[in-house]
Amino acid sequence: AQVRQTFKASGVGTIAGSYVLDGVIKRGCRVRITREGEKIFEGDLASLKRFKDDVKEVKAGYECGLVFDKFNDAKEEDMIEAYEMVEVPR
């Protein structure tokens, strides 16, 4: 996903208004944020919303609001990569 605009919210911190370019962003996933090709944050997604509603996932082609756990420095043009840690049985 790509950050299109950021918003400040009291009690929440910075909300990254983002556009999902491909795949799906799911609530509770981990995220990696890169700015100009350099990783600036890796951690948990604290909140995922569409408009004012909490949602479980947002698919490609839609916009959403993202809040990150312990990270408030998102800026426009940052790239967000969401991923899930899956335990694979041997």
C-alpha atoms as a PDB file:
ATOM      1  CA  ALA A   1       0.000   0.000   0.000  1.00  0.00           C
ATOM      2  CA  GLN A   2       1.066   3.576  -0.472  1.00  0.00           C
ATOM      3  CA  VAL A   3       0.482   6.387   2.036  1.00  0.00           C
ATOM      4  CA  ARG A   4      -1.528   9.120   0.303  1.00  0.00           C
ATOM      5  CA  GLN A   5      -2.150  11.460   3.256  1.00  0.00           C
ATOM      6  CA  THR A   6      -1.564  11.536   7.000  1.00  0.00           C
ATOM      7  CA  PHE A   7      -3.904  12.721   9.739  1.00  0.00           C
ATOM      8  CA  LYS A   8      -3.265  13.457  13.399  1.00  0.00           C
ATOM      9  CA  ALA A   9      -5.817  12.141  15.900  1.00  0.00           C
ATOM     10  CA  SER A  10      -5.693  12.720  19.630  1.00  0.00           C
ATOM     11  CA  GLY A  11      -5.320   9.499  21.590  1.00  0.00           C
ATOM     12  CA  VAL A  12      -4.508   7.529  18.446  1.00  0.00           C
ATOM     13  CA  GLY A  13      -1.484   9.273  16.958  1.00  0.00           C
ATOM     14  CA  THR A  14      -0.862   9.496  13.228  1.00  0.00           C
ATOM     15  CA  ILE A  15      -3.326   7.842  10.864  1.00  0.00           C
ATOM     16  CA  ALA A  16      -1.852   6.901   7.484  1.00  0.00           C
ATOM     17  CA  GLY A  17      -4.506   7.328   4.795  1.00  0.00           C
ATOM     18  CA  SER A  18      -3.361   4.686   2.332  1.00  0.00           C
ATOM     19  CA  TYR A  19      -4.279   3.148  -1.014  1.00  0.00           C
ATOM     20  CA  VAL A  20      -3.909  -0.633  -1.319  1.00  0.00           C
ATOM     21  CA  LEU A  21      -2.002  -1.307  -4.555  1.00  0.00           C
ATOM     22  CA  ASP A  22      -2.183  -5.106  -4.593  1.00  0.00           C
ATOM     23  CA  GLY A  23      -3.111  -8.011  -2.339  1.00  0.00           C
ATOM     24  CA  VAL A  24      -4.986  -7.607   0.941  1.00  0.00           C
ATOM     25  CA  ILE A  25      -4.193  -5.840   4.206  1.00  0.00           C
ATOM     26  CA  LYS A  26      -5.665  -7.720   7.176  1.00  0.00           C
ATOM     27  CA  ARG A  27      -6.215  -6.531  10.711  1.00  0.00           C
ATOM     28  CA  GLY A  28      -3.600  -7.878  13.118  1.00  0.00           C
ATOM     29  CA  CYS A  29      -0.931  -8.393  10.458  1.00  0.00           C
ATOM     30  CA  ARG A  30       2.658  -7.204  10.677  1.00  0.00           C
ATOM     31  CA  VAL A  31       3.844  -4.313   8.516  1.00  0.00           C
ATOM     32  CA  ARG A  32       7.105  -3.137   7.013  1.00  0.00           C
ATOM     33  CA  ILE A  33       7.315   0.550   6.044  1.00  0.00           C
ATOM     34  CA  THR A  34       9.874   1.779   3.534  1.00  0.00           C
ATOM     35  CA  ARG A  35      10.699   5.354   2.555  1.00  0.00           C
ATOM     36  CA  GLU A  36      12.750   5.889  -0.617  1.00  0.00           C
ATOM     37  CA  GLY A  37      13.803   2.235  -0.556  1.00  0.00           C
ATOM     38  CA  GLU A  38      14.987   2.210   3.077  1.00  0.00           C
ATOM     39  CA  LYS A  39      13.151   0.305   5.806  1.00  0.00           C
ATOM     40  CA  ILE A  40      12.103   2.752   8.538  1.00  0.00           C
ATOM     41  CA  PHE A  41       9.730   0.590  10.597  1.00  0.00           C
ATOM     42  CA  GLU A  42       8.743  -3.025  11.097  1.00  0.00           C
ATOM     43  CA  GLY A  43       6.046  -3.939  13.586  1.00  0.00           C
ATOM     44  CA  ASP A  44       2.352  -4.465  14.228  1.00  0.00           C
ATOM     45  CA  LEU A  45      -0.693  -2.861  12.689  1.00  0.00           C
ATOM     46  CA  ALA A  46      -2.725  -1.364  15.551  1.00  0.00           C
ATOM     47  CA  SER A  47      -5.858  -0.345  13.626  1.00  0.00           C
ATOM     48  CA  LEU A  48      -7.405  -0.852  10.175  1.00  0.00           C
ATOM     49  CA  LYS A  49     -10.387   1.256   9.100  1.00  0.00           C
ATOM     50  CA  ARG A  50     -12.400   2.141   6.006  1.00  0.00           C
ATOM     51  CA  PHE A  51     -13.927   5.555   6.538  1.00  0.00           C
ATOM     52  CA  LYS A  52     -14.962   5.414  10.220  1.00  0.00           C
ATOM     53  CA  ASP A  53     -15.611   1.656  10.383  1.00  0.00           C
ATOM     54  CA  ASP A  54     -13.223  -0.954  11.766  1.00  0.00           C
ATOM     55  CA  VAL A  55     -12.771  -3.668   9.148  1.00  0.00           C
ATOM     56  CA  LYS A  56     -11.073  -7.079   9.060  1.00  0.00           C
ATOM     57  CA  GLU A  57      -9.413  -6.590   5.668  1.00  0.00           C
ATOM     58  CA  VAL A  58      -9.016  -4.122   2.805  1.00  0.00           C
ATOM     59  CA  LYS A  59      -8.426  -5.382  -0.743  1.00  0.00           C
ATOM     60  CA  ALA A  60      -6.446  -3.900  -3.638  1.00  0.00           C
ATOM     61  CA  GLY A  61      -8.014  -0.815  -5.201  1.00  0.00           C
ATOM     62  CA  TYR A  62      -9.482   0.510  -1.951  1.00  0.00           C
ATOM     63  CA  GLU A  63      -8.358   3.187   0.483  1.00  0.00           C
ATOM     64  CA  CYS A  64      -8.010   2.687   4.229  1.00  0.00           C
ATOM     65  CA  GLY A  65      -6.736   4.298   7.410  1.00  0.00           C
ATOM     66  CA  LEU A  66      -3.815   2.575   9.111  1.00  0.00           C
ATOM     67  CA  VAL A  67      -2.452   3.133  12.612  1.00  0.00           C
ATOM     68  CA  PHE A  68       0.817   1.467  13.561  1.00  0.00           C
ATOM     69  CA  ASP A  69       1.867   0.194  16.975  1.00  0.00           C
ATOM     70  CA  LYS A  70       4.528   2.542  18.454  1.00  0.00           C
ATOM     71  CA  PHE A  71       5.172   4.400  15.168  1.00  0.00           C
ATOM     72  CA  ASN A  72       3.782   7.858  14.355  1.00  0.00           C
ATOM     73  CA  ASP A  73       6.169   9.112  11.671  1.00  0.00           C
ATOM     74  CA  ALA A  74       4.355   7.951   8.519  1.00  0.00           C
ATOM     75  CA  LYS A  75       4.663  10.383   5.615  1.00  0.00           C
ATOM     76  CA  GLU A  76       3.093  10.669   2.165  1.00  0.00           C
ATOM     77  CA  GLU A  77       4.637   8.369  -0.469  1.00  0.00           C
ATOM     78  CA  ASP A  78       5.807   5.819   2.163  1.00  0.00           C
ATOM     79  CA  MET A  79       5.272   2.231   1.021  1.00  0.00           C
ATOM     80  CA  ILE A  80       3.608  -0.227   3.398  1.00  0.00           C
ATOM     81  CA  GLU A  81       4.070  -3.963   3.008  1.00  0.00           C
ATOM     82  CA  ALA A  82       1.738  -6.098   5.122  1.00  0.00           C
ATOM     83  CA  TYR A  83       2.498  -9.731   5.899  1.00  0.00           C
ATOM     84  CA  GLU A  84       1.386 -12.559   8.167  1.00  0.00           C
ATOM     85  CA  MET A  85       3.643 -14.842  10.141  1.00  0.00           C
ATOM     86  CA  VAL A  86       2.408 -18.378   9.461  1.00  0.00           C
ATOM     87  CA  GLU A  87       3.658 -21.412  11.338  1.00  0.00           C
ATOM     88  CA  VAL A  88       4.337 -24.210   8.885  1.00  0.00           C
ATOM     89  CA  PRO A  89       4.212 -27.755  10.295  1.00  0.00           C
ATOM     90  CA  ARG A  90       7.179 -29.951   9.388  1.00  0.00           C
END
